[in-house]
């Protein structure tokens, strides 16, 4: 199966969100049972030299949902949590740097 960045799921116009997708995919490959809110993901999963803006994170999460890599769960408290849905091959493709994913 081709898990390309192209087509209806393209993110070429948002390099920061695309880099965020790579980081998230790598994290989920290493931690397949991880599940957290966007705030928790930003704080604990994306420990980088520079801070990721929430809008970039939300763009990345939405894109990954549309691709079937993650799912969003609304808990009883109303908070949205995200967890892995995709297989290792899909996440491996997404964890590549954005330039390496282009056709």
PDB file of N, CA and C in Angstrom:
ATOM      1  N   UNK A   1       0.849  -1.189   0.000  1.00  0.00           N
ATOM      2  CA  UNK A   1       0.000   0.000   0.000  1.00  0.00           C
ATOM      3  C   UNK A   1       0.887   1.242   0.000  1.00  0.00           C
ATOM      4  N   UNK A   2       0.494   2.247  -0.723  1.00  0.00           N
ATOM      5  CA  UNK A   2       1.265   3.480  -0.819  1.00  0.00           C
ATOM      6  C   UNK A   2       0.748   4.507   0.190  1.00  0.00           C
ATOM      7  N   UNK A   3       1.605   4.910   1.099  1.00  0.00           N
ATOM      8  CA  UNK A   3       1.224   5.889   2.116  1.00  0.00           C
ATOM      9  C   UNK A   3       1.859   7.236   1.812  1.00  0.00           C
ATOM     10  N   UNK A   4       1.784   7.624   0.595  1.00  0.00           N
ATOM     11  CA  UNK A   4       2.385   8.867   0.126  1.00  0.00           C
ATOM     12  C   UNK A   4       1.727  10.087   0.751  1.00  0.00           C
ATOM     13  N   UNK A   5       2.442  11.164   0.715  1.00  0.00           N
ATOM     14  CA  UNK A   5       1.991  12.467   1.183  1.00  0.00           C
ATOM     15  C   UNK A   5       1.103  13.158   0.156  1.00  0.00           C
ATOM     16  N   UNK A   6       1.029  12.615  -1.035  1.00  0.00           N
ATOM     17  CA  UNK A   6       0.368  13.276  -2.161  1.00  0.00           C
ATOM     18  C   UNK A   6      -1.135  13.027  -2.194  1.00  0.00           C
ATOM     19  N   UNK A   7      -1.765  13.594  -3.206  1.00  0.00           N
ATOM     20  CA  UNK A   7      -3.187  13.378  -3.430  1.00  0.00           C
ATOM     21  C   UNK A   7      -4.044  14.174  -2.478  1.00  0.00           C
ATOM     22  N   UNK A   8      -5.210  13.613  -2.147  1.00  0.00           N
ATOM     23  CA  UNK A   8      -6.167  14.358  -1.335  1.00  0.00           C
ATOM     24  C   UNK A   8      -5.681  14.623   0.076  1.00  0.00           C
ATOM     25  N   UNK A   9      -4.612  13.963   0.493  1.00  0.00           N
ATOM     26  CA  UNK A   9      -4.096  14.146   1.848  1.00  0.00           C
ATOM     27  C   UNK A   9      -2.832  15.002   1.885  1.00  0.00           C
ATOM     28  N   UNK A  10      -2.532  15.713   0.825  1.00  0.00           N
ATOM     29  CA  UNK A  10      -1.289  16.483   0.738  1.00  0.00           C
ATOM     30  C   UNK A  10      -1.205  17.556   1.812  1.00  0.00           C
ATOM     31  N   UNK A  11      -0.001  17.715   2.346  1.00  0.00           N
ATOM     32  CA  UNK A  11       0.269  18.743   3.350  1.00  0.00           C
ATOM     33  C   UNK A  11       1.414  19.633   2.907  1.00  0.00           C
ATOM     34  N   UNK A  12       1.694  19.694   1.637  1.00  0.00           N
ATOM     35  CA  UNK A  12       2.865  20.413   1.145  1.00  0.00           C
ATOM     36  C   UNK A  12       2.926  21.867   1.583  1.00  0.00           C
ATOM     37  N   UNK A  13       1.781  22.480   1.847  1.00  0.00           N
ATOM     38  CA  UNK A  13       1.758  23.890   2.205  1.00  0.00           C
ATOM     39  C   UNK A  13       2.041  24.137   3.679  1.00  0.00           C
ATOM     40  N   UNK A  14       2.237  23.095   4.472  1.00  0.00           N
ATOM     41  CA  UNK A  14       2.461  23.271   5.894  1.00  0.00           C
ATOM     42  C   UNK A  14       3.631  22.405   6.342  1.00  0.00           C
ATOM     43  N   UNK A  15       4.851  22.918   6.144  1.00  0.00           N
ATOM     44  CA  UNK A  15       6.047  22.155   6.488  1.00  0.00           C
ATOM     45  C   UNK A  15       6.150  21.848   7.972  1.00  0.00           C
ATOM     46  N   UNK A  16       5.705  22.769   8.831  1.00  0.00           N
ATOM     47  CA  UNK A  16       5.780  22.533  10.274  1.00  0.00           C
ATOM     48  C   UNK A  16       4.860  21.387  10.677  1.00  0.00           C
ATOM     49  N   UNK A  17       3.650  21.367  10.144  1.00  0.00           N
ATOM     50  CA  UNK A  17       2.724  20.277  10.455  1.00  0.00           C
ATOM     51  C   UNK A  17       3.241  18.969   9.863  1.00  0.00           C
ATOM     52  N   UNK A  18       3.844  19.035   8.691  1.00  0.00           N
ATOM     53  CA  UNK A  18       4.395  17.842   8.059  1.00  0.00           C
ATOM     54  C   UNK A  18       5.533  17.253   8.905  1.00  0.00           C
ATOM     55  N   UNK A  19       6.385  18.107   9.423  1.00  0.00           N
ATOM     56  CA  UNK A  19       7.453  17.647  10.317  1.00  0.00           C
ATOM     57  C   UNK A  19       6.864  17.067  11.594  1.00  0.00           C
ATOM     58  N   UNK A  20       5.779  17.646  12.052  1.00  0.00           N
ATOM     59  CA  UNK A  20       5.079  17.153  13.233  1.00  0.00           C
ATOM     60  C   UNK A  20       4.531  15.746  12.976  1.00  0.00           C
ATOM     61  N   UNK A  21       3.988  15.501  11.785  1.00  0.00           N
ATOM     62  CA  UNK A  21       3.499  14.173  11.406  1.00  0.00           C
ATOM     63  C   UNK A  21       4.636  13.162  11.515  1.00  0.00           C
ATOM     64  N   UNK A  22       5.809  13.506  11.021  1.00  0.00           N
ATOM     65  CA  UNK A  22       6.960  12.610  11.088  1.00  0.00           C
ATOM     66  C   UNK A  22       7.303  12.260  12.530  1.00  0.00           C
ATOM     67  N   UNK A  23       7.318  13.271  13.381  1.00  0.00           N
ATOM     68  CA  UNK A  23       7.639  13.044  14.794  1.00  0.00           C
ATOM     69  C   UNK A  23       6.583  12.182  15.475  1.00  0.00           C
ATOM     70  N   UNK A  24       5.314  12.477  15.204  1.00  0.00           N
ATOM     71  CA  UNK A  24       4.234  11.703  15.808  1.00  0.00           C
ATOM     72  C   UNK A  24       4.267  10.249  15.355  1.00  0.00           C
ATOM     73  N   UNK A  25       4.493  10.033  14.065  1.00  0.00           N
ATOM     74  CA  UNK A  25       4.545   8.668  13.542  1.00  0.00           C
ATOM     75  C   UNK A  25       5.692   7.889  14.178  1.00  0.00           C
ATOM     76  N   UNK A  26       6.841   8.518  14.328  1.00  0.00           N
ATOM     77  CA  UNK A  26       7.967   7.863  14.984  1.00  0.00           C
ATOM     78  C   UNK A  26       7.665   7.527  16.438  1.00  0.00           C
ATOM     79  N   UNK A  27       7.027   8.458  17.121  1.00  0.00           N
ATOM     80  CA  UNK A  27       6.658   8.220  18.518  1.00  0.00           C
ATOM     81  C   UNK A  27       5.686   7.045  18.633  1.00  0.00           C
ATOM     82  N   UNK A  28       4.689   7.018  17.761  1.00  0.00           N
ATOM     83  CA  UNK A  28       3.692   5.948  17.822  1.00  0.00           C
ATOM     84  C   UNK A  28       4.252   4.591  17.429  1.00  0.00           C
ATOM     85  N   UNK A  29       5.260   4.570  16.591  1.00  0.00           N
ATOM     86  CA  UNK A  29       5.929   3.291  16.285  1.00  0.00           C
ATOM     87  C   UNK A  29       6.660   2.780  17.513  1.00  0.00           C
ATOM     88  N   UNK A  30       7.282   3.670  18.245  1.00  0.00           N
ATOM     89  CA  UNK A  30       8.027   3.275  19.438  1.00  0.00           C
ATOM     90  C   UNK A  30       7.127   3.020  20.643  1.00  0.00           C
ATOM     91  N   UNK A  31       5.948   3.634  20.635  1.00  0.00           N
ATOM     92  CA  UNK A  31       5.014   3.546  21.768  1.00  0.00           C
ATOM     93  C   UNK A  31       3.614   3.224  21.241  1.00  0.00           C
ATOM     94  N   UNK A  32       3.394   1.998  20.775  1.00  0.00           N
ATOM     95  CA  UNK A  32       2.140   1.672  20.077  1.00  0.00           C
ATOM     96  C   UNK A  32       0.872   1.782  20.927  1.00  0.00           C
ATOM     97  N   UNK A  33       0.989   1.780  22.230  1.00  0.00           N
ATOM     98  CA  UNK A  33      -0.193   1.876  23.089  1.00  0.00           C
ATOM     99  C   UNK A  33      -0.421   3.290  23.623  1.00  0.00           C
ATOM    100  N   UNK A  34       0.359   4.244  23.152  1.00  0.00           N
ATOM    101  CA  UNK A  34       0.233   5.627  23.613  1.00  0.00           C
ATOM    102  C   UNK A  34      -1.133   6.201  23.251  1.00  0.00           C
ATOM    103  N   UNK A  35      -1.661   7.019  24.163  1.00  0.00           N
ATOM    104  CA  UNK A  35      -2.955   7.679  23.956  1.00  0.00           C
ATOM    105  C   UNK A  35      -2.946   8.935  24.817  1.00  0.00           C
ATOM    106  N   UNK A  36      -3.252  10.089  24.222  1.00  0.00           N
ATOM    107  CA  UNK A  36      -3.224  11.331  24.988  1.00  0.00           C
ATOM    108  C   UNK A  36      -4.013  12.414  24.273  1.00  0.00           C
ATOM    109  N   UNK A  37      -4.235  13.506  24.995  1.00  0.00           N
ATOM    110  CA  UNK A  37      -4.883  14.689  24.429  1.00  0.00           C
ATOM    111  C   UNK A  37      -3.855  15.458  23.600  1.00  0.00           C
ATOM    112  N   UNK A  38      -4.323  16.418  22.813  1.00  0.00           N
ATOM    113  CA  UNK A  38      -3.404  17.246  22.037  1.00  0.00           C
ATOM    114  C   UNK A  38      -2.416  17.962  22.964  1.00  0.00           C
ATOM    115  N   UNK A  39      -2.894  18.434  24.093  1.00  0.00           N
ATOM    116  CA  UNK A  39      -2.011  19.122  25.039  1.00  0.00           C
ATOM    117  C   UNK A  39      -0.939  18.172  25.578  1.00  0.00           C
ATOM    118  N   UNK A  40      -1.343  16.947  25.910  1.00  0.00           N
ATOM    119  CA  UNK A  40      -0.384  15.954  26.401  1.00  0.00           C
ATOM    120  C   UNK A  40       0.604  15.548  25.319  1.00  0.00           C
ATOM    121  N   UNK A  41       0.118  15.402  24.098  1.00  0.00           N
ATOM    122  CA  UNK A  41       0.998  15.061  22.979  1.00  0.00           C
ATOM    123  C   UNK A  41       2.043  16.149  22.792  1.00  0.00           C
ATOM    124  N   UNK A  42       1.599  17.375  22.813  1.00  0.00           N
ATOM    125  CA  UNK A  42       2.518  18.509  22.634  1.00  0.00           C
ATOM    126  C   UNK A  42       3.570  18.544  23.741  1.00  0.00           C
ATOM    127  N   UNK A  43       3.136  18.269  24.955  1.00  0.00           N
ATOM    128  CA  UNK A  43       4.053  18.359  26.095  1.00  0.00           C
ATOM    129  C   UNK A  43       4.970  17.148  26.219  1.00  0.00           C
ATOM    130  N   UNK A  44       4.447  15.936  26.009  1.00  0.00           N
ATOM    131  CA  UNK A  44       5.206  14.734  26.322  1.00  0.00           C
ATOM    132  C   UNK A  44       5.740  13.990  25.107  1.00  0.00           C
ATOM    133  N   UNK A  45       5.014  14.012  24.006  1.00  0.00           N
ATOM    134  CA  UNK A  45       5.452  13.237  22.840  1.00  0.00           C
ATOM    135  C   UNK A  45       6.390  14.024  21.955  1.00  0.00           C
ATOM    136  N   UNK A  46       6.224  15.339  21.900  1.00  0.00           N
ATOM    137  CA  UNK A  46       6.983  16.172  20.958  1.00  0.00           C
ATOM    138  C   UNK A  46       8.017  17.018  21.682  1.00  0.00           C
ATOM    139  N   UNK A  47       8.925  16.386  22.307  1.00  0.00           N
ATOM    140  CA  UNK A  47      10.002  17.109  22.997  1.00  0.00           C
ATOM    141  C   UNK A  47      11.064  17.481  21.972  1.00  0.00           C
ATOM    142  N   UNK A  48      10.978  18.697  21.490  1.00  0.00           N
ATOM    143  CA  UNK A  48      11.901  19.172  20.458  1.00  0.00           C
ATOM    144  C   UNK A  48      12.599  20.437  20.927  1.00  0.00           C
ATOM    145  N   UNK A  49      13.578  20.862  20.126  1.00  0.00           N
ATOM    146  CA  UNK A  49      14.317  22.084  20.469  1.00  0.00           C
ATOM    147  C   UNK A  49      13.405  23.314  20.418  1.00  0.00           C
ATOM    148  N   UNK A  50      12.464  23.306  19.504  1.00  0.00           N
ATOM    149  CA  UNK A  50      11.541  24.441  19.388  1.00  0.00           C
ATOM    150  C   UNK A  50      10.124  23.951  19.704  1.00  0.00           C
ATOM    151  N   UNK A  51       9.342  24.812  20.219  1.00  0.00           N
ATOM    152  CA  UNK A  51       7.983  24.473  20.603  1.00  0.00           C
ATOM    153  C   UNK A  51       7.078  24.361  19.373  1.00  0.00           C
ATOM    154  N   UNK A  52       6.228  23.364  19.371  1.00  0.00           N
ATOM    155  CA  UNK A  52       5.277  23.157  18.283  1.00  0.00           C
ATOM    156  C   UNK A  52       4.017  23.960  18.601  1.00  0.00           C
ATOM    157  N   UNK A  53       3.575  24.767  17.650  1.00  0.00           N
ATOM    158  CA  UNK A  53       2.356  25.552  17.836  1.00  0.00           C
ATOM    159  C   UNK A  53       1.152  24.605  17.821  1.00  0.00           C
ATOM    160  N   UNK A  54       0.142  24.913  18.628  1.00  0.00           N
ATOM    161  CA  UNK A  54      -1.039  24.061  18.712  1.00  0.00           C
ATOM    162  C   UNK A  54      -1.746  23.940  17.366  1.00  0.00           C
ATOM    163  N   UNK A  55      -1.782  25.008  16.577  1.00  0.00           N
ATOM    164  CA  UNK A  55      -2.447  24.898  15.273  1.00  0.00           C
ATOM    165  C   UNK A  55      -1.704  23.937  14.351  1.00  0.00           C
ATOM    166  N   UNK A  56      -0.382  23.900  14.431  1.00  0.00           N
ATOM    167  CA  UNK A  56       0.400  22.953  13.635  1.00  0.00           C
ATOM    168  C   UNK A  56       0.126  21.526  14.104  1.00  0.00           C
ATOM    169  N   UNK A  57       0.059  21.337  15.410  1.00  0.00           N
ATOM    170  CA  UNK A  57      -0.233  20.021  15.963  1.00  0.00           C
ATOM    171  C   UNK A  57      -1.635  19.570  15.548  1.00  0.00           C
ATOM    172  N   UNK A  58      -2.617  20.446  15.650  1.00  0.00           N
ATOM    173  CA  UNK A  58      -3.977  20.097  15.250  1.00  0.00           C
ATOM    174  C   UNK A  58      -4.045  19.743  13.761  1.00  0.00           C
ATOM    175  N   UNK A  59      -3.323  20.495  12.917  1.00  0.00           N
ATOM    176  CA  UNK A  59      -3.276  20.181  11.490  1.00  0.00           C
ATOM    177  C   UNK A  59      -2.692  18.780  11.273  1.00  0.00           C
ATOM    178  N   UNK A  60      -1.611  18.480  11.984  1.00  0.00           N
ATOM    179  CA  UNK A  60      -0.969  17.168  11.853  1.00  0.00           C
ATOM    180  C   UNK A  60      -1.898  16.051  12.327  1.00  0.00           C
ATOM    181  N   UNK A  61      -2.556  16.259  13.455  1.00  0.00           N
ATOM    182  CA  UNK A  61      -3.471  15.245  13.981  1.00  0.00           C
ATOM    183  C   UNK A  61      -4.653  15.019  13.035  1.00  0.00           C
ATOM    184  N   UNK A  62      -5.208  16.096  12.509  1.00  0.00           N
ATOM    185  CA  UNK A  62      -6.328  15.967  11.568  1.00  0.00           C
ATOM    186  C   UNK A  62      -5.897  15.214  10.308  1.00  0.00           C
ATOM    187  N   UNK A  63      -4.722  15.538   9.791  1.00  0.00           N
ATOM    188  CA  UNK A  63      -4.222  14.872   8.598  1.00  0.00           C
ATOM    189  C   UNK A  63      -4.016  13.390   8.856  1.00  0.00           C
ATOM    190  N   UNK A  64      -3.423  13.056  10.006  1.00  0.00           N
ATOM    191  CA  UNK A  64      -3.175  11.659  10.351  1.00  0.00           C
ATOM    192  C   UNK A  64      -4.491  10.897  10.549  1.00  0.00           C
ATOM    193  N   UNK A  65      -5.517  11.570  11.058  1.00  0.00           N
ATOM    194  CA  UNK A  65      -6.839  10.935  11.174  1.00  0.00           C
ATOM    195  C   UNK A  65      -7.391  10.605   9.790  1.00  0.00           C
ATOM    196  N   UNK A  66      -7.325  11.547   8.869  1.00  0.00           N
ATOM    197  CA  UNK A  66      -7.845  11.335   7.516  1.00  0.00           C
ATOM    198  C   UNK A  66      -7.103  10.204   6.802  1.00  0.00           C
ATOM    199  N   UNK A  67      -5.828  10.040   7.109  1.00  0.00           N
ATOM    200  CA  UNK A  67      -5.025   8.974   6.502  1.00  0.00           C
ATOM    201  C   UNK A  67      -5.260   7.622   7.170  1.00  0.00           C
ATOM    202  N   UNK A  68      -5.911   7.615   8.319  1.00  0.00           N
ATOM    203  CA  UNK A  68      -6.142   6.368   9.042  1.00  0.00           C
ATOM    204  C   UNK A  68      -4.987   5.937   9.915  1.00  0.00           C
ATOM    205  N   UNK A  69      -4.044   6.849  10.188  1.00  0.00           N
ATOM    206  CA  UNK A  69      -2.895   6.517  11.019  1.00  0.00           C
ATOM    207  C   UNK A  69      -3.224   6.588  12.507  1.00  0.00           C
ATOM    208  N   UNK A  70      -4.156   7.471  12.868  1.00  0.00           N
ATOM    209  CA  UNK A  70      -4.576   7.612  14.265  1.00  0.00           C
ATOM    210  C   UNK A  70      -6.094   7.706  14.315  1.00  0.00           C
ATOM    211  N   UNK A  71      -6.629   7.536  15.503  1.00  0.00           N
ATOM    212  CA  UNK A  71      -8.047   7.778  15.704  1.00  0.00           C
ATOM    213  C   UNK A  71      -8.223   8.721  16.883  1.00  0.00           C
ATOM    214  N   UNK A  72      -9.332   9.425  16.847  1.00  0.00           N
ATOM    215  CA  UNK A  72      -9.686  10.368  17.904  1.00  0.00           C
ATOM    216  C   UNK A  72     -10.818   9.749  18.722  1.00  0.00           C
ATOM    217  N   UNK A  73     -10.659   9.780  20.023  1.00  0.00           N
ATOM    218  CA  UNK A  73     -11.664   9.246  20.930  1.00  0.00           C
ATOM    219  C   UNK A  73     -12.118  10.379  21.830  1.00  0.00           C
ATOM    220  N   UNK A  74     -13.415  10.551  21.962  1.00  0.00           N
ATOM    221  CA  UNK A  74     -13.951  11.555  22.880  1.00  0.00           C
ATOM    222  C   UNK A  74     -14.313  10.831  24.174  1.00  0.00           C
ATOM    223  N   UNK A  75     -13.636  11.197  25.236  1.00  0.00           N
ATOM    224  CA  UNK A  75     -13.840  10.554  26.530  1.00  0.00           C
ATOM    225  C   UNK A  75     -15.096  11.094  27.221  1.00  0.00           C
ATOM    226  N   UNK A  76     -15.482  10.459  28.294  1.00  0.00           N
ATOM    227  CA  UNK A  76     -16.659  10.864  29.061  1.00  0.00           C
ATOM    228  C   UNK A  76     -16.540  12.317  29.512  1.00  0.00           C
ATOM    229  N   UNK A  77     -15.325  12.754  29.810  1.00  0.00           N
ATOM    230  CA  UNK A  77     -15.119  14.135  30.261  1.00  0.00           C
ATOM    231  C   UNK A  77     -15.143  15.140  29.110  1.00  0.00           C
ATOM    232  N   UNK A  78     -15.346  14.656  27.872  1.00  0.00           N
ATOM    233  CA  UNK A  78     -15.415  15.538  26.715  1.00  0.00           C
ATOM    234  C   UNK A  78     -14.078  15.834  26.067  1.00  0.00           C
ATOM    235  N   UNK A  79     -12.999  15.397  26.682  1.00  0.00           N
ATOM    236  CA  UNK A  79     -11.674  15.650  26.115  1.00  0.00           C
ATOM    237  C   UNK A  79     -11.379  14.666  24.992  1.00  0.00           C
ATOM    238  N   UNK A  80     -10.741  15.176  23.960  1.00  0.00           N
ATOM    239  CA  UNK A  80     -10.393  14.348  22.798  1.00  0.00           C
ATOM    240  C   UNK A  80      -8.997  13.767  23.002  1.00  0.00           C
ATOM    241  N   UNK A  81      -8.931  12.471  22.804  1.00  0.00           N
ATOM    242  CA  UNK A  81      -7.661  11.771  22.925  1.00  0.00           C
ATOM    243  C   UNK A  81      -7.352  11.092  21.596  1.00  0.00           C
ATOM    244  N   UNK A  82      -6.061  10.931  21.347  1.00  0.00           N
ATOM    245  CA  UNK A  82      -5.600  10.374  20.077  1.00  0.00           C
ATOM    246  C   UNK A  82      -4.750   9.144  20.357  1.00  0.00           C
ATOM    247  N   UNK A  83      -4.933   8.107  19.495  1.00  0.00           N
ATOM    248  CA  UNK A  83      -4.130   6.893  19.621  1.00  0.00           C
ATOM    249  C   UNK A  83      -3.887   6.295  18.243  1.00  0.00           C
ATOM    250  N   UNK A  84      -2.927   5.415  18.223  1.00  0.00           N
ATOM    251  CA  UNK A  84      -2.499   4.760  16.992  1.00  0.00           C
ATOM    252  C   UNK A  84      -3.616   3.892  16.411  1.00  0.00           C
ATOM    253  N   UNK A  85      -3.742   3.966  15.102  1.00  0.00           N
ATOM    254  CA  UNK A  85      -4.669   3.107  14.367  1.00  0.00           C
ATOM    255  C   UNK A  85      -3.937   2.414  13.218  1.00  0.00           C
ATOM    256  N   UNK A  86      -2.965   3.097  12.627  1.00  0.00           N
ATOM    257  CA  UNK A  86      -2.228   2.565  11.474  1.00  0.00           C
ATOM    258  C   UNK A  86      -1.262   1.461  11.840  1.00  0.00           C
ATOM    259  N   UNK A  87      -0.852   0.718  10.815  1.00  0.00           N
ATOM    260  CA  UNK A  87       0.104  -0.363  11.027  1.00  0.00           C
ATOM    261  C   UNK A  87       1.536   0.170  10.953  1.00  0.00           C
ATOM    262  N   UNK A  88       2.495  -0.717  11.224  1.00  0.00           N
ATOM    263  CA  UNK A  88       3.899  -0.305  11.232  1.00  0.00           C
ATOM    264  C   UNK A  88       4.361   0.241   9.881  1.00  0.00           C
ATOM    265  N   UNK A  89       3.901  -0.358   8.794  1.00  0.00           N
ATOM    266  CA  UNK A  89       4.324   0.115   7.464  1.00  0.00           C
ATOM    267  C   UNK A  89       3.856   1.541   7.218  1.00  0.00           C
ATOM    268  N   UNK A  90       2.624   1.828   7.576  1.00  0.00           N
ATOM    269  CA  UNK A  90       2.099   3.181   7.383  1.00  0.00           C
ATOM    270  C   UNK A  90       2.857   4.175   8.241  1.00  0.00           C
ATOM    271  N   UNK A  91       3.067   3.847   9.494  1.00  0.00           N
ATOM    272  CA  UNK A  91       3.771   4.773  10.389  1.00  0.00           C
ATOM    273  C   UNK A  91       5.233   4.928   9.996  1.00  0.00           C
ATOM    274  N   UNK A  92       5.846   3.860   9.494  1.00  0.00           N
ATOM    275  CA  UNK A  92       7.237   3.957   9.023  1.00  0.00           C
ATOM    276  C   UNK A  92       7.331   4.939   7.863  1.00  0.00           C
ATOM    277  N   UNK A  93       6.371   4.860   6.939  1.00  0.00           N
ATOM    278  CA  UNK A  93       6.370   5.788   5.798  1.00  0.00           C
ATOM    279  C   UNK A  93       6.169   7.219   6.263  1.00  0.00           C
ATOM    280  N   UNK A  94       5.280   7.415   7.232  1.00  0.00           N
ATOM    281  CA  UNK A  94       5.002   8.773   7.719  1.00  0.00           C
ATOM    282  C   UNK A  94       6.121   9.331   8.589  1.00  0.00           C
ATOM    283  N   UNK A  95       6.936   8.452   9.177  1.00  0.00           N
ATOM    284  CA  UNK A  95       7.997   8.949  10.055  1.00  0.00           C
ATOM    285  C   UNK A  95       9.224   9.417   9.275  1.00  0.00           C
ATOM    286  N   UNK A  96       9.225   9.212   7.950  1.00  0.00           N
ATOM    287  CA  UNK A  96      10.306   9.728   7.106  1.00  0.00           C
ATOM    288  C   UNK A  96      10.212  11.245   7.028  1.00  0.00           C
ATOM    289  N   UNK A  97      11.332  11.914   6.853  1.00  0.00           N
ATOM    290  CA  UNK A  97      11.279  13.369   6.655  1.00  0.00           C
ATOM    291  C   UNK A  97      10.349  13.700   5.497  1.00  0.00           C
ATOM    292  N   UNK A  98       9.647  14.839   5.558  1.00  0.00           N
ATOM    293  CA  UNK A  98       8.675  15.196   4.506  1.00  0.00           C
ATOM    294  C   UNK A  98       9.244  15.101   3.083  1.00  0.00           C
ATOM    295  N   UNK A  99      10.491  15.503   2.853  1.00  0.00           N
ATOM    296  CA  UNK A  99      11.066  15.473   1.518  1.00  0.00           C
ATOM    297  C   UNK A  99      11.189  14.027   1.009  1.00  0.00           C
ATOM    298  N   UNK A 100      11.444  13.091   1.907  1.00  0.00           N
ATOM    299  CA  UNK A 100      11.624  11.694   1.517  1.00  0.00           C
ATOM    300  C   UNK A 100      10.308  11.030   1.161  1.00  0.00           C
ATOM    301  N   UNK A 101       9.182  11.600   1.577  1.00  0.00           N
ATOM    302  CA  UNK A 101       7.868  11.010   1.323  1.00  0.00           C
ATOM    303  C   UNK A 101       7.298  11.444  -0.007  1.00  0.00           C
ATOM    304  N   UNK A 102       7.865  12.441  -0.654  1.00  0.00           N
ATOM    305  CA  UNK A 102       7.299  12.961  -1.902  1.00  0.00           C
ATOM    306  C   UNK A 102       7.545  11.988  -3.030  1.00  0.00           C
ATOM    307  N   UNK A 103       6.583  11.908  -3.941  1.00  0.00           N
ATOM    308  CA  UNK A 103       6.684  11.019  -5.110  1.00  0.00           C
ATOM    309  C   UNK A 103       7.643  11.570  -6.138  1.00  0.00           C
TER     310      UNK A 103
END
